[in-house]
Structures are given as structure tokens and as C-alpha cells.
Full PDB file with SEQRES, HELIX, SHEET, SSBOND, CRYST1, ORIGX, SCALE, CONECT and MASTER records, all heavy atoms in Angstrom:
SEQRES   1 A   41  ASP GLN GLU LEU TYR LEU GLN GLY SER SER PHE ILE ASN          
SEQRES   2 A   41  ALA PRO ARG LEU TYR ARG LEU ASP ARG LYS THR GLY GLU          
SEQRES   3 A   41  LEU THR PHE VAL LYS ASN ASP THR SER GLU ASN ALA ASN          
SEQRES   4 A   41  THR PHE                                                      
HELIX    1 AA1 SER A   35  ASN A   37  5                                   3    
SHEET    1 AA1 3 GLU A   3  SER A  10  0                                        
SHEET    2 AA1 3 ASN A  13  ASP A  21 -1                                        
SHEET    3 AA1 3 LEU A  27  ASN A  32 -1                                        
CRYST1    1.000    1.000    1.000  90.00  90.00  90.00 P 1           1          
ORIGX1      1.000000  0.000000  0.000000        0.00000                         
ORIGX2      0.000000  1.000000  0.000000        0.00000                         
ORIGX3      0.000000  0.000000  1.000000        0.00000                         
SCALE1      1.000000  0.000000  0.000000        0.00000                         
SCALE2      0.000000  1.000000  0.000000        0.00000                         
SCALE3      0.000000  0.000000  1.000000        0.00000                         
ATOM      1  N   ASP A   1     279.240   3.399 -55.286  1.00  0.00           N  
ATOM      2  CA  ASP A   1     279.872   4.137 -54.268  1.00  0.00           C  
ATOM      3  C   ASP A   1     281.059   4.883 -54.649  1.00  0.00           C  
ATOM      4  O   ASP A   1     281.316   6.060 -54.202  1.00  0.00           O  
ATOM      5  CB  ASP A   1     280.245   3.186 -53.098  1.00  0.00           C  
ATOM      6  CG  ASP A   1     279.007   2.704 -52.343  1.00  0.00           C  
ATOM      7  OD1 ASP A   1     277.915   3.313 -52.467  1.00  0.00           O  
ATOM      8  OD2 ASP A   1     279.066   1.610 -51.699  1.00  0.00           O  
ATOM      9  N   GLN A   2     281.946   4.292 -55.541  1.00  0.00           N  
ATOM     10  CA  GLN A   2     283.158   4.880 -55.889  1.00  0.00           C  
ATOM     11  C   GLN A   2     283.183   5.384 -57.256  1.00  0.00           C  
ATOM     12  O   GLN A   2     284.236   6.062 -57.617  1.00  0.00           O  
ATOM     13  CB  GLN A   2     284.257   3.795 -55.751  1.00  0.00           C  
ATOM     14  CG  GLN A   2     284.386   3.181 -54.351  1.00  0.00           C  
ATOM     15  CD  GLN A   2     284.672   4.171 -53.236  1.00  0.00           C  
ATOM     16  OE1 GLN A   2     285.393   5.162 -53.472  1.00  0.00           O  
ATOM     17  NE2 GLN A   2     284.064   4.037 -52.045  1.00  0.00           N  
ATOM     18  N   GLU A   3     282.170   5.205 -58.063  1.00  0.00           N  
ATOM     19  CA  GLU A   3     282.216   5.649 -59.440  1.00  0.00           C  
ATOM     20  C   GLU A   3     280.873   5.915 -59.982  1.00  0.00           C  
ATOM     21  O   GLU A   3     279.824   5.361 -59.443  1.00  0.00           O  
ATOM     22  CB  GLU A   3     282.924   4.580 -60.309  1.00  0.00           C  
ATOM     23  CG  GLU A   3     282.391   3.258 -60.165  1.00  0.00           C  
ATOM     24  CD  GLU A   3     283.338   2.140 -60.689  1.00  0.00           C  
ATOM     25  OE1 GLU A   3     284.421   2.487 -61.157  1.00  0.00           O  
ATOM     26  OE2 GLU A   3     283.016   0.927 -60.655  1.00  0.00           O  
ATOM     27  N   LEU A   4     280.786   6.674 -60.991  1.00  0.00           N  
ATOM     28  CA  LEU A   4     279.563   7.024 -61.690  1.00  0.00           C  
ATOM     29  C   LEU A   4     279.754   6.720 -63.232  1.00  0.00           C  
ATOM     30  O   LEU A   4     280.753   7.227 -63.813  1.00  0.00           O  
ATOM     31  CB  LEU A   4     279.240   8.509 -61.522  1.00  0.00           C  
ATOM     32  CG  LEU A   4     278.150   9.136 -62.421  1.00  0.00           C  
ATOM     33  CD1 LEU A   4     276.791   8.469 -62.072  1.00  0.00           C  
ATOM     34  CD2 LEU A   4     278.096  10.688 -62.193  1.00  0.00           C  
ATOM     35  N   TYR A   5     278.856   5.970 -63.763  1.00  0.00           N  
ATOM     36  CA  TYR A   5     278.926   5.719 -65.267  1.00  0.00           C  
ATOM     37  C   TYR A   5     277.983   6.633 -65.927  1.00  0.00           C  
ATOM     38  O   TYR A   5     276.740   6.683 -65.506  1.00  0.00           O  
ATOM     39  CB  TYR A   5     278.665   4.209 -65.469  1.00  0.00           C  
ATOM     40  CG  TYR A   5     279.834   3.388 -65.131  1.00  0.00           C  
ATOM     41  CD1 TYR A   5     279.898   2.817 -63.800  1.00  0.00           C  
ATOM     42  CD2 TYR A   5     280.845   3.218 -66.029  1.00  0.00           C  
ATOM     43  CE1 TYR A   5     280.975   1.987 -63.493  1.00  0.00           C  
ATOM     44  CE2 TYR A   5     282.026   2.366 -65.644  1.00  0.00           C  
ATOM     45  CZ  TYR A   5     282.004   1.820 -64.388  1.00  0.00           C  
ATOM     46  OH  TYR A   5     283.133   1.058 -64.055  1.00  0.00           O  
ATOM     47  N   LEU A   6     278.377   7.132 -67.081  1.00  0.00           N  
ATOM     48  CA  LEU A   6     277.518   8.080 -67.784  1.00  0.00           C  
ATOM     49  C   LEU A   6     277.514   7.763 -69.284  1.00  0.00           C  
ATOM     50  O   LEU A   6     278.501   7.125 -69.756  1.00  0.00           O  
ATOM     51  CB  LEU A   6     277.976   9.513 -67.642  1.00  0.00           C  
ATOM     52  CG  LEU A   6     278.227  10.056 -66.245  1.00  0.00           C  
ATOM     53  CD1 LEU A   6     279.680  10.276 -65.970  1.00  0.00           C  
ATOM     54  CD2 LEU A   6     277.458  11.291 -66.006  1.00  0.00           C  
ATOM     55  N   GLN A   7     276.414   8.031 -69.926  1.00  0.00           N  
ATOM     56  CA  GLN A   7     276.402   7.836 -71.377  1.00  0.00           C  
ATOM     57  C   GLN A   7     276.315   9.172 -72.128  1.00  0.00           C  
ATOM     58  O   GLN A   7     275.552  10.089 -71.716  1.00  0.00           O  
ATOM     59  CB  GLN A   7     275.195   7.059 -71.802  1.00  0.00           C  
ATOM     60  CG  GLN A   7     275.142   6.660 -73.345  1.00  0.00           C  
ATOM     61  CD  GLN A   7     273.796   5.928 -73.604  1.00  0.00           C  
ATOM     62  OE1 GLN A   7     272.827   6.574 -73.870  1.00  0.00           O  
ATOM     63  NE2 GLN A   7     273.936   4.611 -73.749  1.00  0.00           N  
ATOM     64  N   GLY A   8     277.188   9.382 -73.077  1.00  0.00           N  
ATOM     65  CA  GLY A   8     277.187  10.598 -73.895  1.00  0.00           C  
ATOM     66  C   GLY A   8     276.896  10.272 -75.322  1.00  0.00           C  
ATOM     67  O   GLY A   8     277.398   9.343 -75.890  1.00  0.00           O  
ATOM     68  N   SER A   9     276.046  11.107 -75.982  1.00  0.00           N  
ATOM     69  CA  SER A   9     275.745  10.862 -77.376  1.00  0.00           C  
ATOM     70  C   SER A   9     275.214  12.165 -77.973  1.00  0.00           C  
ATOM     71  O   SER A   9     274.896  13.170 -77.281  1.00  0.00           O  
ATOM     72  CB  SER A   9     274.693   9.820 -77.543  1.00  0.00           C  
ATOM     73  OG  SER A   9     273.429  10.239 -76.953  1.00  0.00           O  
ATOM     74  N   SER A  10     275.237  12.251 -79.258  1.00  0.00           N  
ATOM     75  CA  SER A  10     274.740  13.418 -79.917  1.00  0.00           C  
ATOM     76  C   SER A  10     274.296  12.922 -81.400  1.00  0.00           C  
ATOM     77  O   SER A  10     274.473  11.777 -81.680  1.00  0.00           O  
ATOM     78  CB  SER A  10     275.772  14.564 -80.054  1.00  0.00           C  
ATOM     79  OG  SER A  10     276.804  14.166 -80.979  1.00  0.00           O  
ATOM     80  N   PHE A  11     273.805  13.906 -82.182  1.00  0.00           N  
ATOM     81  CA  PHE A  11     273.490  13.479 -83.505  1.00  0.00           C  
ATOM     82  C   PHE A  11     274.658  12.954 -84.312  1.00  0.00           C  
ATOM     83  O   PHE A  11     274.484  12.147 -85.201  1.00  0.00           O  
ATOM     84  CB  PHE A  11     272.910  14.799 -84.297  1.00  0.00           C  
ATOM     85  CG  PHE A  11     271.673  15.320 -83.668  1.00  0.00           C  
ATOM     86  CD1 PHE A  11     271.706  16.548 -83.089  1.00  0.00           C  
ATOM     87  CD2 PHE A  11     270.521  14.623 -83.794  1.00  0.00           C  
ATOM     88  CE1 PHE A  11     270.467  17.081 -82.527  1.00  0.00           C  
ATOM     89  CE2 PHE A  11     269.362  15.118 -83.261  1.00  0.00           C  
ATOM     90  CZ  PHE A  11     269.308  16.337 -82.619  1.00  0.00           C  
ATOM     91  N   ILE A  12     275.832  13.419 -84.020  1.00  0.00           N  
ATOM     92  CA  ILE A  12     277.014  13.005 -84.755  1.00  0.00           C  
ATOM     93  C   ILE A  12     277.909  11.977 -83.985  1.00  0.00           C  
ATOM     94  O   ILE A  12     278.925  11.511 -84.557  1.00  0.00           O  
ATOM     95  CB  ILE A  12     277.920  14.153 -85.146  1.00  0.00           C  
ATOM     96  CG1 ILE A  12     278.436  14.945 -83.973  1.00  0.00           C  
ATOM     97  CG2 ILE A  12     277.138  15.171 -86.101  1.00  0.00           C  
ATOM     98  CD1 ILE A  12     279.403  16.101 -84.260  1.00  0.00           C  
ATOM     99  N   ASN A  13     277.523  11.637 -82.788  1.00  0.00           N  
ATOM    100  CA  ASN A  13     278.311  10.632 -81.986  1.00  0.00           C  
ATOM    101  C   ASN A  13     277.343   9.566 -81.467  1.00  0.00           C  
ATOM    102  O   ASN A  13     276.458   9.914 -80.672  1.00  0.00           O  
ATOM    103  CB  ASN A  13     279.015  11.304 -80.824  1.00  0.00           C  
ATOM    104  CG  ASN A  13     280.085  12.275 -81.276  1.00  0.00           C  
ATOM    105  OD1 ASN A  13     280.089  13.431 -80.871  1.00  0.00           O  
ATOM    106  ND2 ASN A  13     281.031  11.767 -82.073  1.00  0.00           N  
ATOM    107  N   ALA A  14     277.619   8.320 -81.846  1.00  0.00           N  
ATOM    108  CA  ALA A  14     276.877   7.176 -81.191  1.00  0.00           C  
ATOM    109  C   ALA A  14     277.233   7.157 -79.767  1.00  0.00           C  
ATOM    110  O   ALA A  14     278.179   7.749 -79.221  1.00  0.00           O  
ATOM    111  CB  ALA A  14     277.250   5.849 -81.897  1.00  0.00           C  
ATOM    112  N   PRO A  15     276.358   6.462 -78.952  1.00  0.00           N  
ATOM    113  CA  PRO A  15     276.564   6.488 -77.499  1.00  0.00           C  
ATOM    114  C   PRO A  15     277.951   6.028 -77.075  1.00  0.00           C  
ATOM    115  O   PRO A  15     278.543   5.009 -77.606  1.00  0.00           O  
ATOM    116  CB  PRO A  15     275.526   5.472 -77.083  1.00  0.00           C  
ATOM    117  CG  PRO A  15     274.439   5.528 -78.008  1.00  0.00           C  
ATOM    118  CD  PRO A  15     275.142   5.742 -79.392  1.00  0.00           C  
ATOM    119  N   ARG A  16     278.493   6.831 -76.173  1.00  0.00           N  
ATOM    120  CA  ARG A  16     279.836   6.568 -75.551  1.00  0.00           C  
ATOM    121  C   ARG A  16     279.653   6.344 -74.094  1.00  0.00           C  
ATOM    122  O   ARG A  16     278.826   6.966 -73.446  1.00  0.00           O  
ATOM    123  CB  ARG A  16     280.790   7.722 -75.798  1.00  0.00           C  
ATOM    124  CG  ARG A  16     281.137   8.043 -77.267  1.00  0.00           C  
ATOM    125  CD  ARG A  16     282.023   9.174 -77.324  1.00  0.00           C  
ATOM    126  NE  ARG A  16     282.535   9.396 -78.716  1.00  0.00           N  
ATOM    127  CZ  ARG A  16     283.493  10.250 -79.048  1.00  0.00           C  
ATOM    128  NH1 ARG A  16     283.982  10.987 -78.148  1.00  0.00           N  
ATOM    129  NH2 ARG A  16     283.888  10.359 -80.293  1.00  0.00           N  
ATOM    130  N   LEU A  17     280.434   5.489 -73.451  1.00  0.00           N  
ATOM    131  CA  LEU A  17     280.371   5.281 -72.030  1.00  0.00           C  
ATOM    132  C   LEU A  17     281.546   5.988 -71.362  1.00  0.00           C  
ATOM    133  O   LEU A  17     282.675   5.808 -71.786  1.00  0.00           O  
ATOM    134  CB  LEU A  17     280.400   3.741 -71.702  1.00  0.00           C  
ATOM    135  CG  LEU A  17     280.271   3.308 -70.273  1.00  0.00           C  
ATOM    136  CD1 LEU A  17     278.824   3.773 -69.722  1.00  0.00           C  
ATOM    137  CD2 LEU A  17     280.465   1.824 -70.121  1.00  0.00           C  
ATOM    138  N   TYR A  18     281.284   6.703 -70.261  1.00  0.00           N  
ATOM    139  CA  TYR A  18     282.331   7.395 -69.448  1.00  0.00           C  
ATOM    140  C   TYR A  18     282.246   6.923 -68.030  1.00  0.00           C  
ATOM    141  O   TYR A  18     281.132   6.530 -67.522  1.00  0.00           O  
ATOM    142  CB  TYR A  18     281.994   8.932 -69.497  1.00  0.00           C  
ATOM    143  CG  TYR A  18     282.169   9.599 -70.787  1.00  0.00           C  
ATOM    144  CD1 TYR A  18     281.013   9.674 -71.736  1.00  0.00           C  
ATOM    145  CD2 TYR A  18     283.384  10.083 -71.246  1.00  0.00           C  
ATOM    146  CE1 TYR A  18     281.170  10.316 -72.901  1.00  0.00           C  
ATOM    147  CE2 TYR A  18     283.537  10.643 -72.508  1.00  0.00           C  
ATOM    148  CZ  TYR A  18     282.434  10.758 -73.350  1.00  0.00           C  
ATOM    149  OH  TYR A  18     282.535  11.392 -74.570  1.00  0.00           O  
ATOM    150  N   ARG A  19     283.339   6.951 -67.390  1.00  0.00           N  
ATOM    151  CA  ARG A  19     283.442   6.577 -65.923  1.00  0.00           C  
ATOM    152  C   ARG A  19     284.087   7.780 -65.197  1.00  0.00           C  
ATOM    153  O   ARG A  19     285.079   8.358 -65.563  1.00  0.00           O  
ATOM    154  CB  ARG A  19     284.257   5.364 -65.707  1.00  0.00           C  
ATOM    155  CG  ARG A  19     284.568   5.046 -64.270  1.00  0.00           C  
ATOM    156  CD  ARG A  19     285.613   3.925 -64.165  1.00  0.00           C  
ATOM    157  NE  ARG A  19     285.917   3.700 -62.747  1.00  0.00           N  
ATOM    158  CZ  ARG A  19     286.805   4.236 -61.970  1.00  0.00           C  
ATOM    159  NH1 ARG A  19     287.559   5.266 -62.548  1.00  0.00           N  
ATOM    160  NH2 ARG A  19     287.018   3.939 -60.747  1.00  0.00           N  
ATOM    161  N   LEU A  20     283.320   8.194 -64.148  1.00  0.00           N  
ATOM    162  CA  LEU A  20     283.820   9.271 -63.293  1.00  0.00           C  
ATOM    163  C   LEU A  20     284.085   8.749 -61.913  1.00  0.00           C  
ATOM    164  O   LEU A  20     283.283   8.131 -61.233  1.00  0.00           O  
ATOM    165  CB  LEU A  20     282.827  10.472 -63.219  1.00  0.00           C  
ATOM    166  CG  LEU A  20     283.340  11.681 -62.507  1.00  0.00           C  
ATOM    167  CD1 LEU A  20     282.683  12.957 -63.206  1.00  0.00           C  
ATOM    168  CD2 LEU A  20     282.951  11.777 -61.039  1.00  0.00           C  
ATOM    169  N   ASP A  21     285.407   8.909 -61.496  1.00  0.00           N  
ATOM    170  CA  ASP A  21     285.844   8.424 -60.253  1.00  0.00           C  
ATOM    171  C   ASP A  21     285.296   9.412 -59.192  1.00  0.00           C  
ATOM    172  O   ASP A  21     285.708  10.616 -59.129  1.00  0.00           O  
ATOM    173  CB  ASP A  21     287.389   8.311 -60.196  1.00  0.00           C  
ATOM    174  CG  ASP A  21     287.971   7.660 -58.956  1.00  0.00           C  
ATOM    175  OD1 ASP A  21     287.470   8.002 -57.870  1.00  0.00           O  
ATOM    176  OD2 ASP A  21     288.832   6.862 -59.106  1.00  0.00           O  
ATOM    177  N   ARG A  22     284.503   8.894 -58.201  1.00  0.00           N  
ATOM    178  CA  ARG A  22     283.888   9.705 -57.164  1.00  0.00           C  
ATOM    179  C   ARG A  22     284.890  10.082 -56.076  1.00  0.00           C  
ATOM    180  O   ARG A  22     284.546  10.899 -55.208  1.00  0.00           O  
ATOM    181  CB  ARG A  22     282.662   9.050 -56.670  1.00  0.00           C  
ATOM    182  CG  ARG A  22     281.603   8.803 -57.741  1.00  0.00           C  
ATOM    183  CD  ARG A  22     280.303   8.375 -57.197  1.00  0.00           C  
ATOM    184  NE  ARG A  22     279.629   9.285 -56.380  1.00  0.00           N  
ATOM    185  CZ  ARG A  22     278.522   9.029 -55.667  1.00  0.00           C  
ATOM    186  NH1 ARG A  22     277.923   7.857 -55.714  1.00  0.00           N  
ATOM    187  NH2 ARG A  22     278.002  10.070 -54.941  1.00  0.00           N  
ATOM    188  N   LYS A  23     286.071   9.507 -56.088  1.00  0.00           N  
ATOM    189  CA  LYS A  23     287.085   9.968 -55.156  1.00  0.00           C  
ATOM    190  C   LYS A  23     287.922  11.123 -55.673  1.00  0.00           C  
ATOM    191  O   LYS A  23     288.224  12.011 -54.963  1.00  0.00           O  
ATOM    192  CB  LYS A  23     288.007   8.729 -54.786  1.00  0.00           C  
ATOM    193  CG  LYS A  23     287.389   7.741 -53.832  1.00  0.00           C  
ATOM    194  CD  LYS A  23     288.402   6.763 -53.395  1.00  0.00           C  
ATOM    195  CE  LYS A  23     287.875   5.723 -52.316  1.00  0.00           C  
ATOM    196  NZ  LYS A  23     288.942   4.810 -51.904  1.00  0.00           N  
ATOM    197  N   THR A  24     288.330  10.999 -56.929  1.00  0.00           N  
ATOM    198  CA  THR A  24     289.234  12.030 -57.496  1.00  0.00           C  
ATOM    199  C   THR A  24     288.546  12.979 -58.492  1.00  0.00           C  
ATOM    200  O   THR A  24     289.156  14.032 -58.796  1.00  0.00           O  
ATOM    201  CB  THR A  24     290.355  11.287 -58.250  1.00  0.00           C  
ATOM    202  OG1 THR A  24     289.751  10.579 -59.425  1.00  0.00           O  
ATOM    203  CG2 THR A  24     291.018  10.275 -57.376  1.00  0.00           C  
ATOM    204  N   GLY A  25     287.349  12.656 -59.048  1.00  0.00           N  
ATOM    205  CA  GLY A  25     286.699  13.476 -59.971  1.00  0.00           C  
ATOM    206  C   GLY A  25     287.176  13.221 -61.333  1.00  0.00           C  
ATOM    207  O   GLY A  25     286.814  13.917 -62.281  1.00  0.00           O  
ATOM    208  N   GLU A  26     288.127  12.259 -61.524  1.00  0.00           N  
ATOM    209  CA  GLU A  26     288.677  11.995 -62.861  1.00  0.00           C  
ATOM    210  C   GLU A  26     287.633  11.389 -63.795  1.00  0.00           C  
ATOM    211  O   GLU A  26     286.974  10.369 -63.385  1.00  0.00           O  
ATOM    212  CB  GLU A  26     289.866  11.054 -62.730  1.00  0.00           C  
ATOM    213  CG  GLU A  26     290.542  10.743 -64.109  1.00  0.00           C  
ATOM    214  CD  GLU A  26     291.708   9.813 -63.921  1.00  0.00           C  
ATOM    215  OE1 GLU A  26     291.840   9.149 -62.842  1.00  0.00           O  
ATOM    216  OE2 GLU A  26     292.387   9.528 -64.902  1.00  0.00           O  
ATOM    217  N   LEU A  27     287.513  11.894 -65.017  1.00  0.00           N  
ATOM    218  CA  LEU A  27     286.610  11.377 -66.020  1.00  0.00           C  
ATOM    219  C   LEU A  27     287.455  10.615 -67.037  1.00  0.00           C  
ATOM    220  O   LEU A  27     288.301  11.164 -67.673  1.00  0.00           O  
ATOM    221  CB  LEU A  27     285.780  12.485 -66.678  1.00  0.00           C  
ATOM    222  CG  LEU A  27     284.783  12.122 -67.668  1.00  0.00           C  
ATOM    223  CD1 LEU A  27     283.600  11.501 -67.033  1.00  0.00           C  
ATOM    224  CD2 LEU A  27     284.334  13.392 -68.477  1.00  0.00           C  
ATOM    225  N   THR A  28     287.041   9.313 -67.285  1.00  0.00           N  
ATOM    226  CA  THR A  28     287.691   8.580 -68.280  1.00  0.00           C  
ATOM    227  C   THR A  28     286.731   8.031 -69.299  1.00  0.00           C  
ATOM    228  O   THR A  28     285.532   7.741 -68.985  1.00  0.00           O  
ATOM    229  CB  THR A  28     288.556   7.364 -67.703  1.00  0.00           C  
ATOM    230  OG1 THR A  28     287.528   6.635 -66.857  1.00  0.00           O  
ATOM    231  CG2 THR A  28     289.579   7.879 -66.824  1.00  0.00           C  
ATOM    232  N   PHE A  29     287.172   7.857 -70.510  1.00  0.00           N  
ATOM    233  CA  PHE A  29     286.408   7.349 -71.632  1.00  0.00           C  
ATOM    234  C   PHE A  29     286.473   5.826 -71.654  1.00  0.00           C  
ATOM    235  O   PHE A  29     287.571   5.262 -71.642  1.00  0.00           O  
ATOM    236  CB  PHE A  29     286.850   7.943 -72.954  1.00  0.00           C  
ATOM    237  CG  PHE A  29     286.334   7.357 -74.223  1.00  0.00           C  
ATOM    238  CD1 PHE A  29     284.902   7.391 -74.458  1.00  0.00           C  
ATOM    239  CD2 PHE A  29     287.100   6.794 -75.140  1.00  0.00           C  
ATOM    240  CE1 PHE A  29     284.366   6.833 -75.635  1.00  0.00           C  
ATOM    241  CE2 PHE A  29     286.586   6.287 -76.319  1.00  0.00           C  
ATOM    242  CZ  PHE A  29     285.211   6.258 -76.504  1.00  0.00           C  
ATOM    243  N   VAL A  30     285.380   5.098 -71.599  1.00  0.00           N  
ATOM    244  CA  VAL A  30     285.414   3.669 -71.522  1.00  0.00           C  
ATOM    245  C   VAL A  30     285.325   3.010 -72.871  1.00  0.00           C  
ATOM    246  O   VAL A  30     286.147   2.275 -73.355  1.00  0.00           O  
ATOM    247  CB  VAL A  30     284.214   3.191 -70.628  1.00  0.00           C  
ATOM    248  CG1 VAL A  30     284.313   1.655 -70.520  1.00  0.00           C  
ATOM    249  CG2 VAL A  30     284.360   3.797 -69.218  1.00  0.00           C  
ATOM    250  N   LYS A  31     284.242   3.293 -73.656  1.00  0.00           N  
ATOM    251  CA  LYS A  31     284.083   2.646 -74.948  1.00  0.00           C  
ATOM    252  C   LYS A  31     282.965   3.326 -75.774  1.00  0.00           C  
ATOM    253  O   LYS A  31     282.088   4.048 -75.255  1.00  0.00           O  
ATOM    254  CB  LYS A  31     283.741   1.133 -74.799  1.00  0.00           C  
ATOM    255  CG  LYS A  31     282.317   0.866 -74.190  1.00  0.00           C  
ATOM    256  CD  LYS A  31     282.084  -0.611 -74.111  1.00  0.00           C  
ATOM    257  CE  LYS A  31     280.624  -0.887 -73.602  1.00  0.00           C  
ATOM    258  NZ  LYS A  31     280.305  -2.291 -73.649  1.00  0.00           N  
ATOM    259  N   ASN A  32     282.984   2.977 -77.046  1.00  0.00           N  
ATOM    260  CA  ASN A  32     281.863   3.372 -77.975  1.00  0.00           C  
ATOM    261  C   ASN A  32     280.986   2.202 -78.145  1.00  0.00           C  
ATOM    262  O   ASN A  32     281.350   1.070 -78.055  1.00  0.00           O  
ATOM    263  CB  ASN A  32     282.425   3.690 -79.396  1.00  0.00           C  
ATOM    264  CG  ASN A  32     283.338   4.876 -79.477  1.00  0.00           C  
ATOM    265  OD1 ASN A  32     283.234   5.696 -78.475  1.00  0.00           O  
ATOM    266  ND2 ASN A  32     283.989   5.125 -80.528  1.00  0.00           N  
ATOM    267  N   ASP A  33     279.702   2.477 -78.416  1.00  0.00           N  
ATOM    268  CA  ASP A  33     278.795   1.448 -78.779  1.00  0.00           C  
ATOM    269  C   ASP A  33     278.938   0.998 -80.300  1.00  0.00           C  
ATOM    270  O   ASP A  33     278.679  -0.134 -80.586  1.00  0.00           O  
ATOM    271  CB  ASP A  33     277.371   1.859 -78.579  1.00  0.00           C  
ATOM    272  CG  ASP A  33     276.922   1.731 -77.102  1.00  0.00           C  
ATOM    273  OD1 ASP A  33     277.819   1.379 -76.231  1.00  0.00           O  
ATOM    274  OD2 ASP A  33     275.795   2.028 -76.812  1.00  0.00           O  
ATOM    275  N   THR A  34     279.278   1.956 -81.134  1.00  0.00           N  
ATOM    276  CA  THR A  34     279.570   1.632 -82.561  1.00  0.00           C  
ATOM    277  C   THR A  34     280.752   2.420 -82.997  1.00  0.00           C  
ATOM    278  O   THR A  34     281.330   3.152 -82.364  1.00  0.00           O  
ATOM    279  CB  THR A  34     278.298   2.081 -83.406  1.00  0.00           C  
ATOM    280  OG1 THR A  34     278.300   3.455 -83.606  1.00  0.00           O  
ATOM    281  CG2 THR A  34     277.016   1.654 -82.810  1.00  0.00           C  
ATOM    282  N   SER A  35     281.143   2.124 -84.244  1.00  0.00           N  
ATOM    283  CA  SER A  35     282.270   2.827 -84.794  1.00  0.00           C  
ATOM    284  C   SER A  35     281.967   4.151 -85.501  1.00  0.00           C  
ATOM    285  O   SER A  35     282.774   4.801 -86.012  1.00  0.00           O  
ATOM    286  CB  SER A  35     282.918   1.864 -85.892  1.00  0.00           C  
ATOM    287  OG  SER A  35     281.994   1.656 -86.936  1.00  0.00           O  
ATOM    288  N   GLU A  36     280.636   4.602 -85.357  1.00  0.00           N  
ATOM    289  CA  GLU A  36     280.237   5.820 -86.074  1.00  0.00           C  
ATOM    290  C   GLU A  36     280.769   6.999 -85.438  1.00  0.00           C  
ATOM    291  O   GLU A  36     280.372   8.127 -85.935  1.00  0.00           O  
ATOM    292  CB  GLU A  36     278.717   5.764 -86.192  1.00  0.00           C  
ATOM    293  CG  GLU A  36     278.300   4.737 -87.158  1.00  0.00           C  
ATOM    294  CD  GLU A  36     276.762   4.750 -87.426  1.00  0.00           C  
ATOM    295  OE1 GLU A  36     276.013   5.520 -86.777  1.00  0.00           O  
ATOM    296  OE2 GLU A  36     276.247   4.008 -88.266  1.00  0.00           O  
ATOM    297  N   ASN A  37     281.554   6.961 -84.350  1.00  0.00           N  
ATOM    298  CA  ASN A  37     282.109   8.141 -83.755  1.00  0.00           C  
ATOM    299  C   ASN A  37     283.232   8.653 -84.691  1.00  0.00           C  
ATOM    300  O   ASN A  37     283.699   9.744 -84.555  1.00  0.00           O  
ATOM    301  CB  ASN A  37     282.570   7.853 -82.418  1.00  0.00           C  
ATOM    302  CG  ASN A  37     281.374   7.817 -81.421  1.00  0.00           C  
ATOM    303  OD1 ASN A  37     280.827   8.823 -81.071  1.00  0.00           O  
ATOM    304  ND2 ASN A  37     281.143   6.587 -80.864  1.00  0.00           N  
ATOM    305  N   ALA A  38     283.837   7.752 -85.483  1.00  0.00           N  
ATOM    306  CA  ALA A  38     284.962   8.125 -86.368  1.00  0.00           C  
ATOM    307  C   ALA A  38     284.383   8.697 -87.664  1.00  0.00           C  
ATOM    308  O   ALA A  38     284.192   8.008 -88.653  1.00  0.00           O  
ATOM    309  CB  ALA A  38     285.781   6.845 -86.660  1.00  0.00           C  
ATOM    310  N   ASN A  39     284.107   9.990 -87.665  1.00  0.00           N  
ATOM    311  CA  ASN A  39     283.443  10.597 -88.828  1.00  0.00           C  
ATOM    312  C   ASN A  39     284.056  11.970 -89.005  1.00  0.00           C  
ATOM    313  O   ASN A  39     284.793  12.491 -88.160  1.00  0.00           O  
ATOM    314  CB  ASN A  39     281.888  10.694 -88.632  1.00  0.00           C  
ATOM    315  CG  ASN A  39     281.417  11.459 -87.443  1.00  0.00           C  
ATOM    316  OD1 ASN A  39     281.850  12.534 -87.167  1.00  0.00           O  
ATOM    317  ND2 ASN A  39     280.673  10.770 -86.617  1.00  0.00           N  
ATOM    318  N   THR A  40     283.661  12.696 -90.011  1.00  0.00           N  
ATOM    319  CA  THR A  40     284.175  13.957 -90.319  1.00  0.00           C  
ATOM    320  C   THR A  40     283.205  15.086 -89.891  1.00  0.00           C  
ATOM    321  O   THR A  40     283.404  16.296 -90.223  1.00  0.00           O  
ATOM    322  CB  THR A  40     284.433  14.146 -91.818  1.00  0.00           C  
ATOM    323  OG1 THR A  40     283.193  13.893 -92.580  1.00  0.00           O  
ATOM    324  CG2 THR A  40     285.521  13.139 -92.315  1.00  0.00           C  
ATOM    325  N   PHE A  41     282.204  14.754 -89.146  1.00  0.00           N  
ATOM    326  CA  PHE A  41     281.195  15.681 -88.733  1.00  0.00           C  
ATOM    327  C   PHE A  41     281.763  16.580 -87.533  1.00  0.00           C  
ATOM    328  O   PHE A  41     282.601  16.161 -86.849  1.00  0.00           O  
ATOM    329  CB  PHE A  41     279.922  15.026 -88.382  1.00  0.00           C  
ATOM    330  CG  PHE A  41     279.312  14.234 -89.401  1.00  0.00           C  
ATOM    331  CD1 PHE A  41     278.758  12.876 -89.156  1.00  0.00           C  
ATOM    332  CD2 PHE A  41     279.174  14.717 -90.778  1.00  0.00           C  
ATOM    333  CE1 PHE A  41     278.253  12.170 -90.149  1.00  0.00           C  
ATOM    334  CE2 PHE A  41     278.674  13.946 -91.756  1.00  0.00           C  
ATOM    335  CZ  PHE A  41     278.130  12.638 -91.421  1.00  0.00           C  
TER     336      PHE A  41                                                      
MASTER        0    0    0    1    3    0    0    6  335    1    0    4          
END                                                                             
């Protein structure tokens, strides 16, 4: 009711979890599934 959880990923980014507040529209980064987001790509 108050929030939307989303998963973002790409070839160079392992899945990330985002939270969007459905009252304010604010998007926040929750966590990574792995450490492979820290790369030079």
C-alpha cells in the first residue's frame, strides 16, 4: 500500500533492490545481492 519494491540489474550490475515510497515518490537503494556491483565496467 505504501511502498513498491523493485529489482534492478544489468550485464554489469548484479541484482539490486530499490524501494519507492508511494506517498512521496522517493526512490531509495536497499541492497545488492552480491558484491559484483563494485567493478570498473
